[in-house]
Amino acid sequence: MSSIGYSTCLKPDPRIRRAVVCSGILFSAIGCMLLLSLRIDAVWRAIMCVCWSSFCWHEHARMRRSGANCLAIRCHAGGEIEIQTCDLGWIPATLQPGSVIYRRFAWLRARGEDGQLYVELLSGDARASQQWRRLQVIWRHIGAAA
């Protein structure tokens, strides 16, 4: 099979997205509690907690925007990534550092040509899903070329 037409298309699972958002909120709250428990002046603890909370809120909002706009992710054998947006069009994207693919899970980070960072946690089984098996093959190809 020619590698030019070899690609995979994966759709994010809404349950996994909710789990990522909920864990982010939980860890944000834990971070605030840790900051508030430091043995430093109360004013500094409050400032650090406000900074931490605003950073977490910004990240949470960014992930919600990108999640609401991403319907599917297409990966090609040459390493090209495309994101299907809510208007059903495909936009080119570049794979970002921090993307990892394991046997059952993948954490993909891609920046679309629209400038938005798309971050998705995907799950699959190579035995049950041809698309997931293709992603595994493409990822090995991308890693060998790097």
Protein backbone atom coordinates (compact mmCIF):
# COMPACT_ATOMS: atom_id res chain seq x y z
CA MET A 1 0.00 0.00 0.00
CA SER A 2 1.32 3.44 -0.87
CA SER A 3 2.07 5.59 2.16
CA ILE A 4 0.80 8.71 0.37
CA GLY A 5 -2.86 7.74 0.87
CA TYR A 6 -2.31 6.09 4.23
CA SER A 7 -4.10 8.05 6.94
CA THR A 8 -6.32 7.65 9.95
CA CYS A 9 -9.26 9.65 11.24
CA LEU A 10 -10.08 9.63 14.94
CA LYS A 11 -13.04 11.18 16.71
CA PRO A 12 -12.57 12.36 20.30
CA ASP A 13 -14.78 10.71 22.93
CA PRO A 14 -16.93 13.25 24.84
CA ARG A 15 -16.62 11.18 28.04
CA ILE A 16 -12.82 11.39 27.91
CA ARG A 17 -13.05 15.13 27.30
CA ARG A 18 -15.26 15.52 30.38
CA ALA A 19 -12.81 13.44 32.42
CA VAL A 20 -9.89 15.65 31.33
CA VAL A 21 -11.81 18.83 32.17
CA CYS A 22 -12.92 17.48 35.56
CA SER A 23 -9.40 16.35 36.44
CA GLY A 24 -8.09 19.77 35.44
CA ILE A 25 -10.58 21.48 37.74
CA LEU A 26 -9.74 19.07 40.56
CA PHE A 27 -5.98 19.59 40.21
CA SER A 28 -6.47 23.35 40.00
CA ALA A 29 -8.30 23.26 43.33
CA ILE A 30 -5.62 21.03 44.86
CA GLY A 31 -2.96 23.48 43.65
CA CYS A 32 -4.80 26.35 45.33
CA MET A 33 -5.04 24.39 48.57
CA LEU A 34 -1.32 23.65 48.45
CA LEU A 35 -0.50 27.30 47.82
CA LEU A 36 -2.74 28.37 50.70
CA SER A 37 -1.03 25.92 53.03
CA LEU A 38 2.47 27.37 52.46
CA ARG A 39 4.15 28.95 55.47
CA ILE A 40 4.53 32.42 54.02
CA ASP A 41 2.73 35.70 54.51
CA ALA A 42 -1.03 35.53 53.82
CA VAL A 43 -0.82 38.32 51.24
CA TRP A 44 1.71 36.35 49.17
CA ARG A 45 -0.37 33.17 49.47
CA ALA A 46 -3.42 35.08 48.22
CA ILE A 47 -1.47 36.60 45.32
CA MET A 48 -0.06 33.22 44.30
CA CYS A 49 -3.50 31.61 44.57
CA VAL A 50 -5.08 34.31 42.39
CA CYS A 51 -2.29 33.94 39.80
CA TRP A 52 -2.60 30.14 39.84
CA SER A 53 -6.39 30.30 39.52
CA SER A 54 -6.27 32.75 36.62
CA PHE A 55 -3.70 30.59 34.82
CA CYS A 56 -5.85 27.47 35.35
CA TRP A 57 -8.99 29.30 34.23
CA HIS A 58 -7.23 30.48 31.06
CA GLU A 59 -6.05 26.93 30.25
CA HIS A 60 -9.50 25.50 31.02
CA ALA A 61 -11.20 28.03 28.71
CA ARG A 62 -8.67 27.36 25.94
CA MET A 63 -9.22 23.61 26.15
CA ARG A 64 -13.02 24.04 26.11
CA ARG A 65 -12.82 26.27 23.01
CA SER A 66 -10.59 23.88 21.12
CA GLY A 67 -12.67 20.88 22.23
CA ALA A 68 -15.87 22.52 21.06
CA ASN A 69 -14.28 23.24 17.69
CA CYS A 70 -12.65 19.83 17.06
CA LEU A 71 -14.85 17.08 15.65
CA ALA A 72 -12.11 14.77 14.33
CA ILE A 73 -8.36 14.51 13.83
CA ARG A 74 -6.83 13.11 10.66
CA CYS A 75 -3.19 11.97 10.66
CA HIS A 76 -1.33 11.21 7.44
CA ALA A 77 1.69 8.95 7.00
CA GLY A 78 3.96 11.90 6.23
CA GLY A 79 3.22 13.45 9.63
CA GLU A 80 0.62 15.94 8.40
CA ILE A 81 -2.29 16.57 10.74
CA GLU A 82 -5.72 17.97 9.90
CA ILE A 83 -8.45 19.06 12.29
CA GLN A 84 -12.13 18.86 11.35
CA THR A 85 -13.78 21.94 12.78
CA CYS A 86 -17.42 22.44 13.74
CA ASP A 87 -18.13 23.94 10.30
CA LEU A 88 -17.17 20.47 8.92
CA GLY A 89 -14.10 21.83 7.12
CA TRP A 90 -10.58 20.42 7.53
CA ILE A 91 -7.79 22.79 8.54
CA PRO A 92 -4.09 21.88 8.37
CA ALA A 93 -2.27 21.65 11.68
CA THR A 94 1.24 20.98 12.91
CA LEU A 95 2.05 18.43 15.55
CA GLN A 96 3.35 20.06 18.73
CA PRO A 97 5.89 18.83 21.28
CA GLY A 98 4.32 16.88 24.09
CA SER A 99 2.29 14.57 21.84
CA VAL A 100 2.61 10.94 22.87
CA ILE A 101 0.96 7.75 21.73
CA TYR A 102 0.86 4.60 23.80
CA ARG A 103 -0.78 1.28 23.10
CA ARG A 104 -4.23 2.30 24.43
CA PHE A 105 -4.03 6.09 24.84
CA ALA A 106 -2.81 9.07 22.86
CA TRP A 107 -2.27 12.66 23.94
CA LEU A 108 -2.17 14.75 20.76
CA ARG A 109 -1.23 18.41 20.66
CA ALA A 110 -1.64 20.19 17.33
CA ARG A 111 -1.67 23.85 16.37
CA GLY A 112 -4.10 24.65 13.59
CA GLU A 113 -3.34 27.18 10.91
CA ASP A 114 -5.98 29.30 12.65
CA GLY A 115 -3.48 29.62 15.54
CA GLN A 116 -5.56 27.63 17.99
CA LEU A 117 -3.93 24.85 20.00
CA TYR A 118 -5.91 21.61 19.89
CA VAL A 119 -5.23 19.14 22.71
CA GLU A 120 -7.00 15.79 22.78
CA LEU A 121 -6.76 12.65 24.87
CA LEU A 122 -7.79 9.74 22.68
CA SER A 123 -8.35 6.10 23.52
CA GLY A 124 -8.47 3.02 21.33
CA ASP A 125 -7.62 -0.60 20.84
CA ALA A 126 -5.53 -1.73 17.88
CA ARG A 127 -7.26 -5.11 17.88
CA ALA A 128 -10.74 -3.65 17.65
CA SER A 129 -10.17 -0.48 15.60
CA GLN A 130 -8.47 -0.23 12.23
CA GLN A 131 -8.19 3.55 12.67
CA TRP A 132 -6.33 3.13 15.97
CA ARG A 133 -4.03 0.52 14.40
CA ARG A 134 -3.26 2.96 11.58
CA LEU A 135 -2.42 5.67 14.10
CA GLN A 136 0.07 3.31 15.75
CA VAL A 137 1.73 2.59 12.38
CA ILE A 138 1.82 6.27 11.41
CA TRP A 139 3.30 7.23 14.77
CA ARG A 140 6.08 4.67 14.42
CA HIS A 141 6.79 6.10 10.95
CA ILE A 142 6.86 9.68 12.26
CA GLY A 143 9.15 8.67 15.14
CA ALA A 144 11.56 6.88 12.81
CA ALA A 145 11.79 9.95 10.57
CA ALA A 146 12.54 12.31 13.49
